Amino acid sequence: MGFDYGWSLDMPEALTCWEAQFGDFVNGAQIVIDQFITSAEDKWNPSRITLLLPHGLEARARGTARRASSASSSFAPRTTSRSATRPRRRRSSISSGARWSGPGAKPLIVMTPKSLLRHKQAVSLAPRPGERSFQRIIVDPAAKKATRALLCTGKIYYDLIAAREAKKRDDVAIVRFEQLYPLSDALLAETVKPFKGAELFWVQEEPFNMGAWYHVRARWPEVVGREG
């Protein structure tokens, strides 16, 4: 990771990616994440290096997802192939001579768990002309009649879908966050608007003091208007 970080600075026109399929791969690289990547905006030369990291029980590292998703980076869990590729495509579609390091540059953290590589539901059709190909939050189509809404991010979405089908619960909506940071307060408020009379739950695979809950909870009372 240290090599790739340096490469991203020396080759600012390149899209530099570093991948860890499981959390223990990140343990040795955590020093580089803490000392150079997440603190680069204040201490060093920031870059737009892309880290492809696991999450949930596949992470098995020292708070990998939570610590990597600092305020100095963009943080995007993904549940579809489109969600995984769109942020990187957005970074790679730069004009000749554009630079990817220096003032304003920020790393991109993408959650790419190994279990979704061949998951039959984690696929996306090619977008139609003019169609938005990336959504920061995806709202369940069954939202209008839901009495309970489950908010989540990442691969646990597919476990919730399977459980809902097994229990035949057509009154439960599932909302998935495809980007956690930056997280627009206006978008979050608009997302929960259809569930005014429904119960809201945040669901994650990680323990209470890990995962994305603390990040979302910081905006919950003010934006959602309810205690979480």
C-alpha atoms as a PDB file:
ATOM      1  CA  MET A   1       0.000   0.000   0.000  1.00  0.00           C
ATOM      2  CA  GLY A   2       2.892   2.348   0.744  1.00  0.00           C
ATOM      3  CA  PHE A   3       4.253   1.706  -2.735  1.00  0.00           C
ATOM      4  CA  ASP A   4       0.862   2.363  -4.358  1.00  0.00           C
ATOM      5  CA  TYR A   5       0.394   5.547  -2.338  1.00  0.00           C
ATOM      6  CA  GLY A   6       3.735   6.806  -3.565  1.00  0.00           C
ATOM      7  CA  TRP A   7       2.879   5.692  -7.092  1.00  0.00           C
ATOM      8  CA  SER A   8      -0.361   7.673  -6.990  1.00  0.00           C
ATOM      9  CA  LEU A   9       1.652  10.789  -6.157  1.00  0.00           C
ATOM     10  CA  ASP A  10       4.302  10.265  -8.835  1.00  0.00           C
ATOM     11  CA  MET A  11       1.733   9.184 -11.455  1.00  0.00           C
ATOM     12  CA  PRO A  12      -1.186  11.529 -10.776  1.00  0.00           C
ATOM     13  CA  GLU A  13      -2.783  10.778 -14.157  1.00  0.00           C
ATOM     14  CA  ALA A  14      -3.182   7.072 -13.277  1.00  0.00           C
ATOM     15  CA  LEU A  15      -6.038   5.350 -11.430  1.00  0.00           C
ATOM     16  CA  THR A  16      -4.179   3.536  -8.638  1.00  0.00           C
ATOM     17  CA  CYS A  17      -6.016   0.737  -6.763  1.00  0.00           C
ATOM     18  CA  TRP A  18      -4.934  -1.410  -3.811  1.00  0.00           C
ATOM     19  CA  GLU A  19      -7.026  -4.430  -2.821  1.00  0.00           C
ATOM     20  CA  ALA A  20      -7.359  -6.499   0.353  1.00  0.00           C
ATOM     21  CA  GLN A  21      -9.704  -9.455  -0.019  1.00  0.00           C
ATOM     22  CA  PHE A  22      -9.793 -10.176   3.715  1.00  0.00           C
ATOM     23  CA  GLY A  23      -9.257  -8.053   6.789  1.00  0.00           C
ATOM     24  CA  ASP A  24      -5.994  -9.645   7.893  1.00  0.00           C
ATOM     25  CA  PHE A  25      -4.428  -8.335   4.673  1.00  0.00           C
ATOM     26  CA  VAL A  26      -5.107  -4.828   5.957  1.00  0.00           C
ATOM     27  CA  ASN A  27      -3.525  -5.258   9.381  1.00  0.00           C
ATOM     28  CA  GLY A  28      -0.011  -4.689   8.072  1.00  0.00           C
ATOM     29  CA  ALA A  29      -1.203  -1.818   5.901  1.00  0.00           C
ATOM     30  CA  GLN A  30      -3.114  -0.099   8.715  1.00  0.00           C
ATOM     31  CA  ILE A  31      -0.062   1.966   9.597  1.00  0.00           C
ATOM     32  CA  VAL A  32       0.040   3.365   6.078  1.00  0.00           C
ATOM     33  CA  ILE A  33      -3.713   4.061   6.193  1.00  0.00           C
ATOM     34  CA  ASP A  34      -3.435   5.930   9.505  1.00  0.00           C
ATOM     35  CA  GLN A  35      -0.180   7.791   8.930  1.00  0.00           C
ATOM     36  CA  PHE A  36      -0.331   8.635   5.250  1.00  0.00           C
ATOM     37  CA  ILE A  37      -3.690   8.114   3.533  1.00  0.00           C
ATOM     38  CA  THR A  38      -6.327   9.330   5.997  1.00  0.00           C
ATOM     39  CA  SER A  39      -4.085  12.079   7.353  1.00  0.00           C
ATOM     40  CA  ALA A  40      -2.554  13.134   4.035  1.00  0.00           C
ATOM     41  CA  GLU A  41      -4.744  16.192   3.634  1.00  0.00           C
ATOM     42  CA  ASP A  42      -3.173  17.793   6.716  1.00  0.00           C
ATOM     43  CA  LYS A  43       0.267  16.189   6.874  1.00  0.00           C
ATOM     44  CA  TRP A  44       1.427  15.002   3.461  1.00  0.00           C
ATOM     45  CA  ASN A  45       0.529  15.131  -0.223  1.00  0.00           C
ATOM     46  CA  PRO A  46      -3.046  13.863  -0.645  1.00  0.00           C
ATOM     47  CA  SER A  47      -3.886  11.548  -3.528  1.00  0.00           C
ATOM     48  CA  ARG A  48      -6.917   9.850  -5.003  1.00  0.00           C
ATOM     49  CA  ILE A  49      -5.697   6.318  -4.392  1.00  0.00           C
ATOM     50  CA  THR A  50      -8.537   3.772  -4.343  1.00  0.00           C
ATOM     51  CA  LEU A  51      -8.609   1.127  -1.595  1.00  0.00           C
ATOM     52  CA  LEU A  52     -10.726  -1.969  -2.213  1.00  0.00           C
ATOM     53  CA  LEU A  53     -11.439  -3.384   1.250  1.00  0.00           C
ATOM     54  CA  PRO A  54     -13.636  -6.067   2.823  1.00  0.00           C
ATOM     55  CA  HIS A  55     -16.190  -5.415   5.539  1.00  0.00           C
ATOM     56  CA  GLY A  56     -18.449  -7.239   7.959  1.00  0.00           C
ATOM     57  CA  LEU A  57     -17.144 -10.530   9.302  1.00  0.00           C
ATOM     58  CA  GLU A  58     -14.899 -10.805   6.255  1.00  0.00           C
ATOM     59  CA  ALA A  59     -12.913  -7.817   7.515  1.00  0.00           C
ATOM     60  CA  ARG A  60     -11.574  -9.452  10.697  1.00  0.00           C
ATOM     61  CA  ALA A  61      -9.253  -6.490  11.172  1.00  0.00           C
ATOM     62  CA  ARG A  62      -8.923  -3.702  13.685  1.00  0.00           C
ATOM     63  CA  GLY A  63     -11.966  -1.693  12.709  1.00  0.00           C
ATOM     64  CA  THR A  64     -10.855  -1.690   9.062  1.00  0.00           C
ATOM     65  CA  ALA A  65     -13.965  -0.138   7.553  1.00  0.00           C
ATOM     66  CA  ARG A  66     -14.567   2.382  10.327  1.00  0.00           C
ATOM     67  CA  ARG A  67     -10.970   3.611  10.594  1.00  0.00           C
ATOM     68  CA  ALA A  68     -10.396   3.795   6.851  1.00  0.00           C
ATOM     69  CA  SER A  69     -13.566   5.822   6.306  1.00  0.00           C
ATOM     70  CA  SER A  70     -12.260   9.012   7.845  1.00  0.00           C
ATOM     71  CA  ALA A  71     -13.394  12.491   6.893  1.00  0.00           C
ATOM     72  CA  SER A  72     -10.500  12.784   4.468  1.00  0.00           C
ATOM     73  CA  SER A  73     -11.807  10.136   2.092  1.00  0.00           C
ATOM     74  CA  SER A  74     -14.853   9.118   0.083  1.00  0.00           C
ATOM     75  CA  PHE A  75     -16.393   5.926   1.442  1.00  0.00           C
ATOM     76  CA  ALA A  76     -18.577   3.683  -0.725  1.00  0.00           C
ATOM     77  CA  PRO A  77     -19.813   0.255   0.328  1.00  0.00           C
ATOM     78  CA  ARG A  78     -21.304  -1.577  -2.605  1.00  0.00           C
ATOM     79  CA  THR A  79     -24.014  -4.185  -3.223  1.00  0.00           C
ATOM     80  CA  THR A  80     -23.924  -4.290  -7.034  1.00  0.00           C
ATOM     81  CA  SER A  81     -21.260  -4.364  -9.698  1.00  0.00           C
ATOM     82  CA  ARG A  82     -22.410  -0.949 -10.884  1.00  0.00           C
ATOM     83  CA  SER A  83     -21.904   0.528  -7.434  1.00  0.00           C
ATOM     84  CA  ALA A  84     -18.389  -0.871  -7.350  1.00  0.00           C
ATOM     85  CA  THR A  85     -17.333   0.339 -10.778  1.00  0.00           C
ATOM     86  CA  ARG A  86     -19.136   3.676 -11.110  1.00  0.00           C
ATOM     87  CA  PRO A  87     -17.036   5.651  -8.568  1.00  0.00           C
ATOM     88  CA  ARG A  88     -13.856   4.336 -10.183  1.00  0.00           C
ATOM     89  CA  ARG A  89     -15.141   5.117 -13.673  1.00  0.00           C
ATOM     90  CA  ARG A  90     -15.902   8.619 -12.467  1.00  0.00           C
ATOM     91  CA  ARG A  91     -12.277   8.944 -11.370  1.00  0.00           C
ATOM     92  CA  SER A  92     -10.805   7.464 -14.544  1.00  0.00           C
ATOM     93  CA  SER A  93     -12.804   9.641 -16.963  1.00  0.00           C
ATOM     94  CA  ILE A  94     -10.391  12.560 -16.760  1.00  0.00           C
ATOM     95  CA  SER A  95      -9.080  14.724 -19.524  1.00  0.00           C
ATOM     96  CA  SER A  96      -5.525  14.460 -20.735  1.00  0.00           C
ATOM     97  CA  GLY A  97      -3.149  16.178 -18.363  1.00  0.00           C
ATOM     98  CA  ALA A  98      -5.564  16.224 -15.400  1.00  0.00           C
ATOM     99  CA  ARG A  99      -3.865  15.545 -12.081  1.00  0.00           C
ATOM    100  CA  TRP A 100      -5.097  13.185  -9.384  1.00  0.00           C
ATOM    101  CA  SER A 101      -3.010  14.446  -6.489  1.00  0.00           C
ATOM    102  CA  GLY A 102      -2.496  17.740  -4.727  1.00  0.00           C
ATOM    103  CA  PRO A 103      -5.067  20.154  -3.238  1.00  0.00           C
ATOM    104  CA  GLY A 104      -8.606  18.794  -3.279  1.00  0.00           C
ATOM    105  CA  ALA A 105      -7.581  15.183  -3.872  1.00  0.00           C
ATOM    106  CA  LYS A 106      -9.201  12.577  -1.630  1.00  0.00           C
ATOM    107  CA  PRO A 107      -8.791   8.796  -1.370  1.00  0.00           C
ATOM    108  CA  LEU A 108     -11.693   6.523  -2.294  1.00  0.00           C
ATOM    109  CA  ILE A 109     -12.571   3.592  -0.004  1.00  0.00           C
ATOM    110  CA  VAL A 110     -14.724   0.948  -1.723  1.00  0.00           C
ATOM    111  CA  MET A 111     -16.055  -2.026   0.221  1.00  0.00           C
ATOM    112  CA  THR A 112     -15.674  -5.034  -2.090  1.00  0.00           C
ATOM    113  CA  PRO A 113     -16.280  -8.207  -0.022  1.00  0.00           C
ATOM    114  CA  LYS A 114     -15.119 -11.435  -1.622  1.00  0.00           C
ATOM    115  CA  SER A 115     -18.469 -13.164  -1.007  1.00  0.00           C
ATOM    116  CA  LEU A 116     -20.194 -10.904  -3.551  1.00  0.00           C
ATOM    117  CA  LEU A 117     -17.807 -11.581  -6.419  1.00  0.00           C
ATOM    118  CA  ARG A 118     -19.987 -14.410  -7.755  1.00  0.00           C
ATOM    119  CA  HIS A 119     -23.268 -13.591  -6.028  1.00  0.00           C
ATOM    120  CA  LYS A 120     -26.054 -13.963  -8.584  1.00  0.00           C
ATOM    121  CA  GLN A 121     -27.948 -10.949  -7.261  1.00  0.00           C
ATOM    122  CA  ALA A 122     -24.948  -8.632  -7.075  1.00  0.00           C
ATOM    123  CA  VAL A 123     -24.989  -7.850 -10.783  1.00  0.00           C
ATOM    124  CA  SER A 124     -26.077  -4.831 -12.794  1.00  0.00           C
ATOM    125  CA  LEU A 125     -27.341  -4.446 -16.317  1.00  0.00           C
ATOM    126  CA  ALA A 126     -25.657  -1.921 -18.567  1.00  0.00           C
ATOM    127  CA  PRO A 127     -27.282   1.497 -18.021  1.00  0.00           C
ATOM    128  CA  ARG A 128     -29.554   2.889 -20.685  1.00  0.00           C
ATOM    129  CA  PRO A 129     -28.642   6.188 -22.371  1.00  0.00           C
ATOM    130  CA  GLY A 130     -29.316   9.038 -19.952  1.00  0.00           C
ATOM    131  CA  GLU A 131     -29.941   6.680 -17.020  1.00  0.00           C
ATOM    132  CA  ARG A 132     -28.227   7.462 -13.745  1.00  0.00           C
ATOM    133  CA  SER A 133     -25.778   4.642 -13.194  1.00  0.00           C
ATOM    134  CA  PHE A 134     -24.918   5.303  -9.560  1.00  0.00           C
ATOM    135  CA  GLN A 135     -27.272   5.899  -6.633  1.00  0.00           C
ATOM    136  CA  ARG A 136     -25.914   6.884  -3.248  1.00  0.00           C
ATOM    137  CA  ILE A 137     -28.975   5.422  -1.509  1.00  0.00           C
ATOM    138  CA  ILE A 138     -31.276   2.778  -3.036  1.00  0.00           C
ATOM    139  CA  VAL A 139     -34.817   2.700  -1.650  1.00  0.00           C
ATOM    140  CA  ASP A 140     -36.822  -0.505  -1.741  1.00  0.00           C
ATOM    141  CA  PRO A 141     -39.697  -0.424  -4.271  1.00  0.00           C
ATOM    142  CA  ALA A 142     -42.027  -1.729  -1.548  1.00  0.00           C
ATOM    143  CA  ALA A 143     -41.524   1.423   0.511  1.00  0.00           C
ATOM    144  CA  LYS A 144     -45.077   2.750   0.190  1.00  0.00           C
ATOM    145  CA  LYS A 145     -46.747  -0.047   2.180  1.00  0.00           C
ATOM    146  CA  ALA A 146     -43.951  -0.759   4.636  1.00  0.00           C
ATOM    147  CA  THR A 147     -44.565  -0.682   8.384  1.00  0.00           C
ATOM    148  CA  ARG A 148     -40.892  -1.363   9.084  1.00  0.00           C
ATOM    149  CA  ALA A 149     -37.808  -0.108   7.241  1.00  0.00           C
ATOM    150  CA  LEU A 150     -34.384  -1.695   7.570  1.00  0.00           C
ATOM    151  CA  LEU A 151     -31.496   0.636   6.732  1.00  0.00           C
ATOM    152  CA  CYS A 152     -28.208  -1.072   5.931  1.00  0.00           C
ATOM    153  CA  THR A 153     -25.065  -0.922   3.851  1.00  0.00           C
ATOM    154  CA  GLY A 154     -23.004  -3.556   2.109  1.00  0.00           C
ATOM    155  CA  LYS A 155     -23.437  -7.280   1.736  1.00  0.00           C
ATOM    156  CA  ILE A 156     -25.833  -7.797   4.656  1.00  0.00           C
ATOM    157  CA  TYR A 157     -28.492  -6.473   2.277  1.00  0.00           C
ATOM    158  CA  TYR A 158     -28.668  -9.895   0.609  1.00  0.00           C
ATOM    159  CA  ASP A 159     -29.123 -11.659   3.949  1.00  0.00           C
ATOM    160  CA  LEU A 160     -32.030  -9.329   4.723  1.00  0.00           C
ATOM    161  CA  ILE A 161     -33.587  -9.982   1.318  1.00  0.00           C
ATOM    162  CA  ALA A 162     -33.342 -13.754   1.843  1.00  0.00           C
ATOM    163  CA  ALA A 163     -34.847 -13.519   5.343  1.00  0.00           C
ATOM    164  CA  ARG A 164     -37.707 -11.348   4.123  1.00  0.00           C
ATOM    165  CA  GLU A 165     -38.542 -13.810   1.350  1.00  0.00           C
ATOM    166  CA  ALA A 166     -38.339 -16.794   3.708  1.00  0.00           C
ATOM    167  CA  LYS A 167     -40.706 -15.137   6.196  1.00  0.00           C
ATOM    168  CA  LYS A 168     -42.931 -13.701   3.446  1.00  0.00           C
ATOM    169  CA  ARG A 169     -42.834 -10.234   4.966  1.00  0.00           C
ATOM    170  CA  ASP A 170     -44.226  -7.827   2.388  1.00  0.00           C
ATOM    171  CA  ASP A 171     -44.491  -5.064   4.998  1.00  0.00           C
ATOM    172  CA  VAL A 172     -40.716  -4.654   5.416  1.00  0.00           C
ATOM    173  CA  ALA A 173     -38.723  -2.286   3.219  1.00  0.00           C
ATOM    174  CA  ILE A 174     -34.948  -2.413   2.884  1.00  0.00           C
ATOM    175  CA  VAL A 175     -32.883   0.704   2.209  1.00  0.00           C
ATOM    176  CA  ARG A 176     -29.232   0.317   1.282  1.00  0.00           C
ATOM    177  CA  PHE A 177     -26.561   2.981   1.486  1.00  0.00           C
ATOM    178  CA  GLU A 178     -24.161   2.702  -1.442  1.00  0.00           C
ATOM    179  CA  GLN A 179     -22.119   5.698  -0.274  1.00  0.00           C
ATOM    180  CA  LEU A 180     -21.555   6.564   3.369  1.00  0.00           C
ATOM    181  CA  TYR A 181     -19.293   9.572   2.981  1.00  0.00           C
ATOM    182  CA  PRO A 182     -19.937  12.217   1.916  1.00  0.00           C
ATOM    183  CA  LEU A 183     -23.482  11.620   3.192  1.00  0.00           C
ATOM    184  CA  SER A 184     -25.934  14.343   2.307  1.00  0.00           C
ATOM    185  CA  ASP A 185     -28.278  15.291   5.140  1.00  0.00           C
ATOM    186  CA  ALA A 186     -30.863  16.350   2.567  1.00  0.00           C
ATOM    187  CA  LEU A 187     -30.659  12.985   0.807  1.00  0.00           C
ATOM    188  CA  LEU A 188     -30.961  11.099   4.098  1.00  0.00           C
ATOM    189  CA  ALA A 189     -34.007  13.148   5.090  1.00  0.00           C
ATOM    190  CA  GLU A 190     -35.626  12.538   1.699  1.00  0.00           C
ATOM    191  CA  THR A 191     -34.880   8.813   1.957  1.00  0.00           C
ATOM    192  CA  VAL A 192     -36.686   8.309   5.266  1.00  0.00           C
ATOM    193  CA  LYS A 193     -39.584  10.592   4.337  1.00  0.00           C
ATOM    194  CA  PRO A 194     -41.819   7.759   2.976  1.00  0.00           C
ATOM    195  CA  PHE A 195     -41.409   5.887   6.292  1.00  0.00           C
ATOM    196  CA  LYS A 196     -42.909   8.546   8.545  1.00  0.00           C
ATOM    197  CA  GLY A 197     -45.217   6.090  10.298  1.00  0.00           C
ATOM    198  CA  ALA A 198     -42.908   3.086  10.075  1.00  0.00           C
ATOM    199  CA  GLU A 199     -40.328   1.671  12.470  1.00  0.00           C
ATOM    200  CA  LEU A 200     -36.761   2.439  11.440  1.00  0.00           C
ATOM    201  CA  PHE A 201     -33.886   0.088  12.194  1.00  0.00           C
ATOM    202  CA  TRP A 202     -30.215   0.253  11.291  1.00  0.00           C
ATOM    203  CA  VAL A 203     -28.864  -3.243  10.538  1.00  0.00           C
ATOM    204  CA  GLN A 204     -25.200  -4.219  10.245  1.00  0.00           C
ATOM    205  CA  GLU A 205     -23.114  -7.364  10.433  1.00  0.00           C
ATOM    206  CA  GLU A 206     -20.341  -5.767  12.467  1.00  0.00           C
ATOM    207  CA  PRO A 207     -20.476  -5.407  16.286  1.00  0.00           C
ATOM    208  CA  PHE A 208     -22.188  -2.335  17.752  1.00  0.00           C
ATOM    209  CA  ASN A 209     -18.959  -0.351  18.156  1.00  0.00           C
ATOM    210  CA  MET A 210     -17.771  -1.061  14.607  1.00  0.00           C
ATOM    211  CA  GLY A 211     -19.327  -0.782  11.189  1.00  0.00           C
ATOM    212  CA  ALA A 212     -21.194   2.293   9.965  1.00  0.00           C
ATOM    213  CA  TRP A 213     -23.694   2.807  12.788  1.00  0.00           C
ATOM    214  CA  TYR A 214     -21.737   5.476  14.687  1.00  0.00           C
ATOM    215  CA  HIS A 215     -21.282   7.462  11.486  1.00  0.00           C
ATOM    216  CA  VAL A 216     -24.995   7.304  10.617  1.00  0.00           C
ATOM    217  CA  ARG A 217     -26.126   7.857  14.211  1.00  0.00           C
ATOM    218  CA  ALA A 218     -24.302  11.198  14.302  1.00  0.00           C
ATOM    219  CA  ARG A 219     -26.869  12.503  11.796  1.00  0.00           C
ATOM    220  CA  TRP A 220     -29.845  10.436  12.935  1.00  0.00           C
ATOM    221  CA  PRO A 221     -31.705  12.613  15.489  1.00  0.00           C
ATOM    222  CA  GLU A 222     -31.316  15.869  13.569  1.00  0.00           C
ATOM    223  CA  VAL A 223     -32.080  14.524  10.103  1.00  0.00           C
ATOM    224  CA  VAL A 224     -34.379  11.599  10.766  1.00  0.00           C
ATOM    225  CA  GLY A 225     -36.082  13.290  13.699  1.00  0.00           C
ATOM    226  CA  ARG A 226     -36.076  10.201  15.905  1.00  0.00           C
ATOM    227  CA  GLU A 227     -33.765   8.688  18.421  1.00  0.00           C
ATOM    228  CA  GLY A 228     -31.934   5.609  17.091  1.00  0.00           C
END
